Amino acid sequence: MPALLHGDAQQNNFINTPDGAYLIDACPYFGHPEIDLALAGFFHPVPEDLFAAYREITPIDAGFAERQELWRMHAYLAVAAVADGAPSASPVLDRLAAATRQYS
């Protein structure tokens, strides 16, 4: 069943201020909840605690680890488009190519 998703769930969407932490949610939409889980670790691995806390609320399907790169493919394409051939795009293109091979 579709869930309201963050849209760009990753660690750079938090702003720390003297009043506390704030979450920036620039593009929410409805979709499969695994997308947010996959994108949470897009730039940096997340601790297992995140998944444990998530499981306290709702289960994570057994095949999530195998589908994680599938859910990230649109983000790889977005980063590659923005990087426009810059050297920083190379690792993302490598990850996109690997994900494409995995699911083809």
PDB file of N, CA and C in Angstrom:
ATOM      1  N   MET A   1       0.838  -1.171   0.000  1.00  0.00           N
ATOM      2  CA  MET A   1       0.000   0.000   0.000  1.00  0.00           C
ATOM      3  C   MET A   1       0.893   1.246   0.000  1.00  0.00           C
ATOM      4  N   PRO A   2       0.588   2.241  -0.831  1.00  0.00           N
ATOM      5  CA  PRO A   2       1.407   3.462  -0.869  1.00  0.00           C
ATOM      6  C   PRO A   2       1.418   4.186   0.478  1.00  0.00           C
ATOM      7  N   ALA A   3       2.535   4.809   0.752  1.00  0.00           N
ATOM      8  CA  ALA A   3       2.704   5.593   1.978  1.00  0.00           C
ATOM      9  C   ALA A   3       3.186   6.987   1.597  1.00  0.00           C
ATOM     10  N   LEU A   4       2.951   7.963   2.466  1.00  0.00           N
ATOM     11  CA  LEU A   4       3.484   9.302   2.234  1.00  0.00           C
ATOM     12  C   LEU A   4       4.981   9.241   2.489  1.00  0.00           C
ATOM     13  N   LEU A   5       5.758   9.580   1.468  1.00  0.00           N
ATOM     14  CA  LEU A   5       7.210   9.484   1.539  1.00  0.00           C
ATOM     15  C   LEU A   5       7.835  10.860   1.645  1.00  0.00           C
ATOM     16  N   HIS A   6       9.038  10.879   2.145  1.00  0.00           N
ATOM     17  CA  HIS A   6       9.785  12.119   2.274  1.00  0.00           C
ATOM     18  C   HIS A   6      10.123  12.683   0.903  1.00  0.00           C
ATOM     19  N   GLY A   7      10.458  11.846  -0.021  1.00  0.00           N
ATOM     20  CA  GLY A   7      10.779  12.289  -1.369  1.00  0.00           C
ATOM     21  C   GLY A   7      12.266  12.416  -1.624  1.00  0.00           C
ATOM     22  N   ASP A   8      13.024  12.704  -0.608  1.00  0.00           N
ATOM     23  CA  ASP A   8      14.472  12.835  -0.747  1.00  0.00           C
ATOM     24  C   ASP A   8      15.093  12.499   0.601  1.00  0.00           C
ATOM     25  N   ALA A   9      14.752  11.341   1.100  1.00  0.00           N
ATOM     26  CA  ALA A   9      15.175  10.955   2.446  1.00  0.00           C
ATOM     27  C   ALA A   9      16.656  10.641   2.460  1.00  0.00           C
ATOM     28  N   GLN A  10      17.433  11.558   2.956  1.00  0.00           N
ATOM     29  CA  GLN A  10      18.863  11.327   3.134  1.00  0.00           C
ATOM     30  C   GLN A  10      19.364  12.250   4.232  1.00  0.00           C
ATOM     31  N   GLN A  11      20.544  11.958   4.698  1.00  0.00           N
ATOM     32  CA  GLN A  11      21.050  12.591   5.913  1.00  0.00           C
ATOM     33  C   GLN A  11      21.298  14.088   5.781  1.00  0.00           C
ATOM     34  N   ASN A  12      21.369  14.604   4.574  1.00  0.00           N
ATOM     35  CA  ASN A  12      21.620  16.033   4.401  1.00  0.00           C
ATOM     36  C   ASN A  12      20.357  16.878   4.538  1.00  0.00           C
ATOM     37  N   ASN A  13      19.236  16.271   4.845  1.00  0.00           N
ATOM     38  CA  ASN A  13      17.969  16.997   4.952  1.00  0.00           C
ATOM     39  C   ASN A  13      17.645  17.416   6.385  1.00  0.00           C
ATOM     40  N   PHE A  14      18.620  17.442   7.240  1.00  0.00           N
ATOM     41  CA  PHE A  14      18.431  17.889   8.612  1.00  0.00           C
ATOM     42  C   PHE A  14      19.224  19.170   8.833  1.00  0.00           C
ATOM     43  N   ILE A  15      18.613  20.124   9.490  1.00  0.00           N
ATOM     44  CA  ILE A  15      19.294  21.362   9.846  1.00  0.00           C
ATOM     45  C   ILE A  15      19.301  21.440  11.370  1.00  0.00           C
ATOM     46  N   ASN A  16      20.480  21.569  11.938  1.00  0.00           N
ATOM     47  CA  ASN A  16      20.603  21.725  13.382  1.00  0.00           C
ATOM     48  C   ASN A  16      20.677  23.202  13.721  1.00  0.00           C
ATOM     49  N   THR A  17      19.846  23.621  14.648  1.00  0.00           N
ATOM     50  CA  THR A  17      19.820  25.007  15.103  1.00  0.00           C
ATOM     51  C   THR A  17      19.898  25.021  16.619  1.00  0.00           C
ATOM     52  N   PRO A  18      20.101  26.164  17.217  1.00  0.00           N
ATOM     53  CA  PRO A  18      20.074  26.234  18.676  1.00  0.00           C
ATOM     54  C   PRO A  18      18.727  25.795  19.266  1.00  0.00           C
ATOM     55  N   ASP A  19      17.662  25.881  18.467  1.00  0.00           N
ATOM     56  CA  ASP A  19      16.336  25.460  18.932  1.00  0.00           C
ATOM     57  C   ASP A  19      16.062  23.984  18.718  1.00  0.00           C
ATOM     58  N   GLY A  20      16.952  23.274  18.054  1.00  0.00           N
ATOM     59  CA  GLY A  20      16.761  21.851  17.800  1.00  0.00           C
ATOM     60  C   GLY A  20      16.974  21.522  16.337  1.00  0.00           C
ATOM     61  N   ALA A  21      16.737  20.272  15.994  1.00  0.00           N
ATOM     62  CA  ALA A  21      16.917  19.794  14.622  1.00  0.00           C
ATOM     63  C   ALA A  21      15.606  19.933  13.860  1.00  0.00           C
ATOM     64  N   TYR A  22      15.734  20.266  12.578  1.00  0.00           N
ATOM     65  CA  TYR A  22      14.580  20.394  11.699  1.00  0.00           C
ATOM     66  C   TYR A  22      14.800  19.540  10.465  1.00  0.00           C
ATOM     67  N   LEU A  23      13.726  18.936  10.003  1.00  0.00           N
ATOM     68  CA  LEU A  23      13.761  18.110   8.814  1.00  0.00           C
ATOM     69  C   LEU A  23      13.194  18.913   7.651  1.00  0.00           C
ATOM     70  N   ILE A  24      13.936  18.969   6.551  1.00  0.00           N
ATOM     71  CA  ILE A  24      13.475  19.640   5.349  1.00  0.00           C
ATOM     72  C   ILE A  24      12.841  18.577   4.456  1.00  0.00           C
ATOM     73  N   ASP A  25      11.614  18.817   4.044  1.00  0.00           N
ATOM     74  CA  ASP A  25      10.892  17.867   3.213  1.00  0.00           C
ATOM     75  C   ASP A  25      10.416  18.585   1.964  1.00  0.00           C
ATOM     76  N   ALA A  26      11.288  18.631   0.968  1.00  0.00           N
ATOM     77  CA  ALA A  26      11.029  19.460  -0.211  1.00  0.00           C
ATOM     78  C   ALA A  26      10.137  18.813  -1.258  1.00  0.00           C
ATOM     79  N   CYS A  27      10.020  17.504  -1.262  1.00  0.00           N
ATOM     80  CA  CYS A  27       9.252  16.887  -2.354  1.00  0.00           C
ATOM     81  C   CYS A  27       8.525  15.618  -1.902  1.00  0.00           C
ATOM     82  N   PRO A  28       7.584  15.742  -0.959  1.00  0.00           N
ATOM     83  CA  PRO A  28       6.849  14.549  -0.528  1.00  0.00           C
ATOM     84  C   PRO A  28       5.947  14.014  -1.640  1.00  0.00           C
ATOM     85  N   TYR A  29       5.721  12.712  -1.618  1.00  0.00           N
ATOM     86  CA  TYR A  29       4.822  12.069  -2.576  1.00  0.00           C
ATOM     87  C   TYR A  29       4.420  10.717  -2.005  1.00  0.00           C
ATOM     88  N   PHE A  30       3.480  10.056  -2.660  1.00  0.00           N
ATOM     89  CA  PHE A  30       3.057   8.732  -2.232  1.00  0.00           C
ATOM     90  C   PHE A  30       3.767   7.682  -3.064  1.00  0.00           C
ATOM     91  N   GLY A  31       4.245   6.635  -2.405  1.00  0.00           N
ATOM     92  CA  GLY A  31       4.938   5.561  -3.096  1.00  0.00           C
ATOM     93  C   GLY A  31       5.212   4.408  -2.145  1.00  0.00           C
ATOM     94  N   HIS A  32       6.041   3.498  -2.576  1.00  0.00           N
ATOM     95  CA  HIS A  32       6.383   2.332  -1.760  1.00  0.00           C
ATOM     96  C   HIS A  32       7.312   2.773  -0.630  1.00  0.00           C
ATOM     97  N   PRO A  33       7.024   2.383   0.609  1.00  0.00           N
ATOM     98  CA  PRO A  33       7.851   2.834   1.743  1.00  0.00           C
ATOM     99  C   PRO A  33       9.314   2.421   1.667  1.00  0.00           C
ATOM    100  N   GLU A  34       9.633   1.394   0.910  1.00  0.00           N
ATOM    101  CA  GLU A  34      11.034   0.984   0.793  1.00  0.00           C
ATOM    102  C   GLU A  34      11.892   2.045   0.107  1.00  0.00           C
ATOM    103  N   ILE A  35      11.276   2.929  -0.656  1.00  0.00           N
ATOM    104  CA  ILE A  35      12.049   3.961  -1.350  1.00  0.00           C
ATOM    105  C   ILE A  35      12.747   4.858  -0.331  1.00  0.00           C
ATOM    106  N   ASP A  36      12.016   5.321   0.677  1.00  0.00           N
ATOM    107  CA  ASP A  36      12.650   6.158   1.706  1.00  0.00           C
ATOM    108  C   ASP A  36      13.753   5.407   2.443  1.00  0.00           C
ATOM    109  N   LEU A  37      13.524   4.135   2.733  1.00  0.00           N
ATOM    110  CA  LEU A  37      14.559   3.349   3.408  1.00  0.00           C
ATOM    111  C   LEU A  37      15.810   3.249   2.546  1.00  0.00           C
ATOM    112  N   ALA A  38      15.642   3.034   1.262  1.00  0.00           N
ATOM    113  CA  ALA A  38      16.792   2.916   0.362  1.00  0.00           C
ATOM    114  C   ALA A  38      17.534   4.239   0.239  1.00  0.00           C
ATOM    115  N   LEU A  39      16.800   5.341   0.163  1.00  0.00           N
ATOM    116  CA  LEU A  39      17.446   6.635  -0.021  1.00  0.00           C
ATOM    117  C   LEU A  39      18.096   7.160   1.249  1.00  0.00           C
ATOM    118  N   ALA A  40      17.674   6.675   2.392  1.00  0.00           N
ATOM    119  CA  ALA A  40      18.279   7.138   3.651  1.00  0.00           C
ATOM    120  C   ALA A  40      19.788   6.899   3.654  1.00  0.00           C
ATOM    121  N   GLY A  41      20.231   5.822   3.038  1.00  0.00           N
ATOM    122  CA  GLY A  41      21.662   5.510   2.992  1.00  0.00           C
ATOM    123  C   GLY A  41      22.294   5.797   1.647  1.00  0.00           C
ATOM    124  N   PHE A  42      21.700   6.663   0.856  1.00  0.00           N
ATOM    125  CA  PHE A  42      22.189   6.938  -0.497  1.00  0.00           C
ATOM    126  C   PHE A  42      23.600   7.519  -0.495  1.00  0.00           C
ATOM    127  N   PHE A  43      23.865   8.507   0.347  1.00  0.00           N
ATOM    128  CA  PHE A  43      25.178   9.156   0.380  1.00  0.00           C
ATOM    129  C   PHE A  43      26.118   8.530   1.405  1.00  0.00           C
ATOM    130  N   HIS A  44      25.580   8.099   2.524  1.00  0.00           N
ATOM    131  CA  HIS A  44      26.385   7.512   3.603  1.00  0.00           C
ATOM    132  C   HIS A  44      25.597   6.364   4.211  1.00  0.00           C
ATOM    133  N   PRO A  45      26.261   5.280   4.567  1.00  0.00           N
ATOM    134  CA  PRO A  45      25.552   4.181   5.225  1.00  0.00           C
ATOM    135  C   PRO A  45      24.887   4.663   6.516  1.00  0.00           C
ATOM    136  N   VAL A  46      23.747   4.100   6.804  1.00  0.00           N
ATOM    137  CA  VAL A  46      23.047   4.449   8.042  1.00  0.00           C
ATOM    138  C   VAL A  46      23.228   3.304   9.033  1.00  0.00           C
ATOM    139  N   PRO A  47      23.208   3.624  10.318  1.00  0.00           N
ATOM    140  CA  PRO A  47      23.379   2.563  11.315  1.00  0.00           C
ATOM    141  C   PRO A  47      22.180   1.615  11.329  1.00  0.00           C
ATOM    142  N   GLU A  48      22.419   0.413  11.728  1.00  0.00           N
ATOM    143  CA  GLU A  48      21.360  -0.594  11.827  1.00  0.00           C
ATOM    144  C   GLU A  48      20.241  -0.122  12.753  1.00  0.00           C
ATOM    145  N   ASP A  49      20.562   0.784  13.692  1.00  0.00           N
ATOM    146  CA  ASP A  49      19.538   1.309  14.604  1.00  0.00           C
ATOM    147  C   ASP A  49      18.360   1.917  13.848  1.00  0.00           C
ATOM    148  N   LEU A  50      18.637   2.548  12.702  1.00  0.00           N
ATOM    149  CA  LEU A  50      17.559   3.138  11.914  1.00  0.00           C
ATOM    150  C   LEU A  50      16.576   2.061  11.476  1.00  0.00           C
ATOM    151  N   PHE A  51      17.090   0.943  10.976  1.00  0.00           N
ATOM    152  CA  PHE A  51      16.225  -0.134  10.522  1.00  0.00           C
ATOM    153  C   PHE A  51      15.522  -0.811  11.699  1.00  0.00           C
ATOM    154  N   ALA A  52      16.217  -0.931  12.811  1.00  0.00           N
ATOM    155  CA  ALA A  52      15.589  -1.522  14.000  1.00  0.00           C
ATOM    156  C   ALA A  52      14.425  -0.657  14.474  1.00  0.00           C
ATOM    157  N   ALA A  53      14.616   0.656  14.485  1.00  0.00           N
ATOM    158  CA  ALA A  53      13.537   1.560  14.903  1.00  0.00           C
ATOM    159  C   ALA A  53      12.377   1.495  13.915  1.00  0.00           C
ATOM    160  N   TYR A  54      12.680   1.411  12.636  1.00  0.00           N
ATOM    161  CA  TYR A  54      11.632   1.297  11.622  1.00  0.00           C
ATOM    162  C   TYR A  54      10.817   0.030  11.842  1.00  0.00           C
ATOM    163  N   ARG A  55      11.521  -1.084  12.119  1.00  0.00           N
ATOM    164  CA  ARG A  55      10.838  -2.367  12.338  1.00  0.00           C
ATOM    165  C   ARG A  55       9.932  -2.340  13.567  1.00  0.00           C
ATOM    166  N   GLU A  56      10.195  -1.447  14.517  1.00  0.00           N
ATOM    167  CA  GLU A  56       9.315  -1.330  15.684  1.00  0.00           C
ATOM    168  C   GLU A  56       7.939  -0.808  15.279  1.00  0.00           C
ATOM    169  N   ILE A  57       7.886  -0.090  14.154  1.00  0.00           N
ATOM    170  CA  ILE A  57       6.628   0.486  13.689  1.00  0.00           C
ATOM    171  C   ILE A  57       5.973  -0.405  12.635  1.00  0.00           C
ATOM    172  N   THR A  58       6.785  -0.886  11.702  1.00  0.00           N
ATOM    173  CA  THR A  58       6.254  -1.726  10.618  1.00  0.00           C
ATOM    174  C   THR A  58       7.356  -2.657  10.125  1.00  0.00           C
ATOM    175  N   PRO A  59       6.997  -3.840   9.685  1.00  0.00           N
ATOM    176  CA  PRO A  59       8.034  -4.765   9.215  1.00  0.00           C
ATOM    177  C   PRO A  59       8.671  -4.298   7.901  1.00  0.00           C
ATOM    178  N   ILE A  60       9.893  -4.742   7.694  1.00  0.00           N
ATOM    179  CA  ILE A  60      10.591  -4.523   6.427  1.00  0.00           C
ATOM    180  C   ILE A  60      10.565  -5.853   5.684  1.00  0.00           C
ATOM    181  N   ASP A  61      10.082  -5.824   4.443  1.00  0.00           N
ATOM    182  CA  ASP A  61       9.992  -7.055   3.665  1.00  0.00           C
ATOM    183  C   ASP A  61      11.359  -7.717   3.542  1.00  0.00           C
ATOM    184  N   ALA A  62      11.360  -9.044   3.544  1.00  0.00           N
ATOM    185  CA  ALA A  62      12.605  -9.814   3.545  1.00  0.00           C
ATOM    186  C   ALA A  62      13.515  -9.498   2.366  1.00  0.00           C
ATOM    187  N   GLY A  63      12.996  -9.176   1.210  1.00  0.00           N
ATOM    188  CA  GLY A  63      13.821  -8.943   0.035  1.00  0.00           C
ATOM    189  C   GLY A  63      14.298  -7.512  -0.138  1.00  0.00           C
ATOM    190  N   PHE A  64      14.106  -6.678   0.874  1.00  0.00           N
ATOM    191  CA  PHE A  64      14.478  -5.269   0.739  1.00  0.00           C
ATOM    192  C   PHE A  64      15.948  -5.092   0.357  1.00  0.00           C
ATOM    193  N   ALA A  65      16.845  -5.802   0.995  1.00  0.00           N
ATOM    194  CA  ALA A  65      18.282  -5.643   0.722  1.00  0.00           C
ATOM    195  C   ALA A  65      18.586  -5.882  -0.757  1.00  0.00           C
ATOM    196  N   GLU A  66      17.887  -6.841  -1.369  1.00  0.00           N
ATOM    197  CA  GLU A  66      18.106  -7.125  -2.783  1.00  0.00           C
ATOM    198  C   GLU A  66      17.478  -6.065  -3.690  1.00  0.00           C
ATOM    199  N   ARG A  67      16.442  -5.372  -3.211  1.00  0.00           N
ATOM    200  CA  ARG A  67      15.765  -4.346  -4.021  1.00  0.00           C
ATOM    201  C   ARG A  67      16.288  -2.939  -3.775  1.00  0.00           C
ATOM    202  N   GLN A  68      17.127  -2.762  -2.804  1.00  0.00           N
ATOM    203  CA  GLN A  68      17.564  -1.423  -2.406  1.00  0.00           C
ATOM    204  C   GLN A  68      18.133  -0.608  -3.571  1.00  0.00           C
ATOM    205  N   GLU A  69      18.984  -1.209  -4.376  1.00  0.00           N
ATOM    206  CA  GLU A  69      19.569  -0.473  -5.499  1.00  0.00           C
ATOM    207  C   GLU A  69      18.530  -0.136  -6.565  1.00  0.00           C
ATOM    208  N   LEU A  70      17.530  -0.969  -6.726  1.00  0.00           N
ATOM    209  CA  LEU A  70      16.440  -0.670  -7.657  1.00  0.00           C
ATOM    210  C   LEU A  70      15.744   0.626  -7.254  1.00  0.00           C
ATOM    211  N   TRP A  71      15.459   0.782  -5.968  1.00  0.00           N
ATOM    212  CA  TRP A  71      14.794   1.987  -5.472  1.00  0.00           C
ATOM    213  C   TRP A  71      15.672   3.227  -5.615  1.00  0.00           C
ATOM    214  N   ARG A  72      16.966   3.050  -5.717  1.00  0.00           N
ATOM    215  CA  ARG A  72      17.890   4.188  -5.817  1.00  0.00           C
ATOM    216  C   ARG A  72      18.170   4.636  -7.250  1.00  0.00           C
ATOM    217  N   MET A  73      17.718   3.892  -8.224  1.00  0.00           N
ATOM    218  CA  MET A  73      18.096   4.180  -9.610  1.00  0.00           C
ATOM    219  C   MET A  73      17.669   5.581 -10.059  1.00  0.00           C
ATOM    220  N   HIS A  74      16.494   6.026  -9.670  1.00  0.00           N
ATOM    221  CA  HIS A  74      16.068   7.372 -10.083  1.00  0.00           C
ATOM    222  C   HIS A  74      16.965   8.446  -9.468  1.00  0.00           C
ATOM    223  N   ALA A  75      17.448   8.204  -8.261  1.00  0.00           N
ATOM    224  CA  ALA A  75      18.348   9.169  -7.621  1.00  0.00           C
ATOM    225  C   ALA A  75      19.710   9.179  -8.323  1.00  0.00           C
ATOM    226  N   TYR A  76      20.188   8.010  -8.740  1.00  0.00           N
ATOM    227  CA  TYR A  76      21.439   7.969  -9.501  1.00  0.00           C
ATOM    228  C   TYR A  76      21.311   8.787 -10.781  1.00  0.00           C
ATOM    229  N   LEU A  77      20.197   8.632 -11.469  1.00  0.00           N
ATOM    230  CA  LEU A  77      19.976   9.378 -12.707  1.00  0.00           C
ATOM    231  C   LEU A  77      19.924  10.882 -12.439  1.00  0.00           C
ATOM    232  N   ALA A  78      19.278  11.282 -11.349  1.00  0.00           N
ATOM    233  CA  ALA A  78      19.187  12.707 -11.017  1.00  0.00           C
ATOM    234  C   ALA A  78      20.567  13.291 -10.715  1.00  0.00           C
ATOM    235  N   VAL A  79      21.380  12.581  -9.941  1.00  0.00           N
ATOM    236  CA  VAL A  79      22.720  13.067  -9.609  1.00  0.00           C
ATOM    237  C   VAL A  79      23.575  13.137 -10.875  1.00  0.00           C
ATOM    238  N   ALA A  80      23.476  12.132 -11.721  1.00  0.00           N
ATOM    239  CA  ALA A  80      24.259  12.137 -12.964  1.00  0.00           C
ATOM    240  C   ALA A  80      23.855  13.307 -13.856  1.00  0.00           C
ATOM    241  N   ALA A  81      22.570  13.612 -13.912  1.00  0.00           N
ATOM    242  CA  ALA A  81      22.106  14.729 -14.733  1.00  0.00           C
ATOM    243  C   ALA A  81      22.615  16.058 -14.205  1.00  0.00           C
ATOM    244  N   VAL A  82      22.605  16.225 -12.903  1.00  0.00           N
ATOM    245  CA  VAL A  82      23.079  17.473 -12.296  1.00  0.00           C
ATOM    246  C   VAL A  82      24.593  17.592 -12.435  1.00  0.00           C
ATOM    247  N   ALA A  83      25.309  16.484 -12.287  1.00  0.00           N
ATOM    248  CA  ALA A  83      26.778  16.509 -12.365  1.00  0.00           C
ATOM    249  C   ALA A  83      27.258  16.803 -13.781  1.00  0.00           C
ATOM    250  N   ASP A  84      26.468  16.449 -14.785  1.00  0.00           N
ATOM    251  CA  ASP A  84      26.740  16.802 -16.181  1.00  0.00           C
ATOM    252  C   ASP A  84      28.180  16.517 -16.614  1.00  0.00           C
ATOM    253  N   GLY A  85      28.623  15.290 -16.376  1.00  0.00           N
ATOM    254  CA  GLY A  85      29.949  14.892 -16.833  1.00  0.00           C
ATOM    255  C   GLY A  85      31.095  15.235 -15.900  1.00  0.00           C
ATOM    256  N   ALA A  86      30.821  15.876 -14.774  1.00  0.00           N
ATOM    257  CA  ALA A  86      31.876  16.211 -13.815  1.00  0.00           C
ATOM    258  C   ALA A  86      32.450  14.925 -13.222  1.00  0.00           C
ATOM    259  N   PRO A  87      33.699  14.963 -12.766  1.00  0.00           N
ATOM    260  CA  PRO A  87      34.305  13.762 -12.179  1.00  0.00           C
ATOM    261  C   PRO A  87      33.504  13.202 -10.995  1.00  0.00           C
ATOM    262  N   SER A  88      32.765  14.050 -10.303  1.00  0.00           N
ATOM    263  CA  SER A  88      31.976  13.570  -9.165  1.00  0.00           C
ATOM    264  C   SER A  88      30.860  12.630  -9.603  1.00  0.00           C
ATOM    265  N   ALA A  89      30.505  12.631 -10.875  1.00  0.00           N
ATOM    266  CA  ALA A  89      29.441  11.754 -11.372  1.00  0.00           C
ATOM    267  C   ALA A  89      29.917  10.319 -11.537  1.00  0.00           C
ATOM    268  N   SER A  90      31.212  10.104 -11.652  1.00  0.00           N
ATOM    269  CA  SER A  90      31.743   8.775 -11.946  1.00  0.00           C
ATOM    270  C   SER A  90      31.289   7.697 -10.954  1.00  0.00           C
ATOM    271  N   PRO A  91      31.410   7.911  -9.635  1.00  0.00           N
ATOM    272  CA  PRO A  91      30.954   6.858  -8.714  1.00  0.00           C
ATOM    273  C   PRO A  91      29.461   6.579  -8.840  1.00  0.00           C
ATOM    274  N   VAL A  92      28.679   7.628  -9.080  1.00  0.00           N
ATOM    275  CA  VAL A  92      27.240   7.452  -9.216  1.00  0.00           C
ATOM    276  C   VAL A  92      26.918   6.674 -10.484  1.00  0.00           C
ATOM    277  N   LEU A  93      27.623   6.977 -11.561  1.00  0.00           N
ATOM    278  CA  LEU A  93      27.407   6.245 -12.805  1.00  0.00           C
ATOM    279  C   LEU A  93      27.806   4.781 -12.655  1.00  0.00           C
ATOM    280  N   ASP A  94      28.875   4.533 -11.897  1.00  0.00           N
ATOM    281  CA  ASP A  94      29.284   3.152 -11.631  1.00  0.00           C
ATOM    282  C   ASP A  94      28.193   2.411 -10.855  1.00  0.00           C
ATOM    283  N   ARG A  95      27.610   3.071  -9.855  1.00  0.00           N
ATOM    284  CA  ARG A  95      26.541   2.446  -9.062  1.00  0.00           C
ATOM    285  C   ARG A  95      25.304   2.217  -9.921  1.00  0.00           C
ATOM    286  N   LEU A  96      24.990   3.165 -10.801  1.00  0.00           N
ATOM    287  CA  LEU A  96      23.849   3.015 -11.699  1.00  0.00           C
ATOM    288  C   LEU A  96      24.071   1.842 -12.643  1.00  0.00           C
ATOM    289  N   ALA A  97      25.275   1.731 -13.194  1.00  0.00           N
ATOM    290  CA  ALA A  97      25.583   0.627 -14.102  1.00  0.00           C
ATOM    291  C   ALA A  97      25.468  -0.718 -13.372  1.00  0.00           C
ATOM    292  N   ALA A  98      25.970  -0.787 -12.158  1.00  0.00           N
ATOM    293  CA  ALA A  98      25.883  -2.032 -11.386  1.00  0.00           C
ATOM    294  C   ALA A  98      24.424  -2.404 -11.085  1.00  0.00           C
ATOM    295  N   ALA A  99      23.627  -1.397 -10.723  1.00  0.00           N
ATOM    296  CA  ALA A  99      22.215  -1.648 -10.439  1.00  0.00           C
ATOM    297  C   ALA A  99      21.492  -2.106 -11.711  1.00  0.00           C
ATOM    298  N   THR A 100      21.833  -1.502 -12.830  1.00  0.00           N
ATOM    299  CA  THR A 100      21.201  -1.885 -14.092  1.00  0.00           C
ATOM    300  C   THR A 100      21.532  -3.340 -14.435  1.00  0.00           C
ATOM    301  N   ARG A 101      22.793  -3.729 -14.248  1.00  0.00           N
ATOM    302  CA  ARG A 101      23.174  -5.115 -14.495  1.00  0.00           C
ATOM    303  C   ARG A 101      22.440  -6.072 -13.548  1.00  0.00           C
ATOM    304  N   GLN A 102      22.287  -5.649 -12.301  1.00  0.00           N
ATOM    305  CA  GLN A 102      21.644  -6.496 -11.299  1.00  0.00           C
ATOM    306  C   GLN A 102      20.189  -6.792 -11.652  1.00  0.00           C
ATOM    307  N   TYR A 103      19.491  -5.852 -12.245  1.00  0.00           N
ATOM    308  CA  TYR A 103      18.063  -6.014 -12.495  1.00  0.00           C
ATOM    309  C   TYR A 103      17.729  -6.289 -13.945  1.00  0.00           C
ATOM    310  N   SER A 104      18.735  -6.468 -14.794  1.00  0.00           N
ATOM    311  CA  SER A 104      18.414  -6.747 -16.204  1.00  0.00           C
ATOM    312  C   SER A 104      18.472  -8.238 -16.496  1.00  0.00           C
TER     313      SER A 104
END
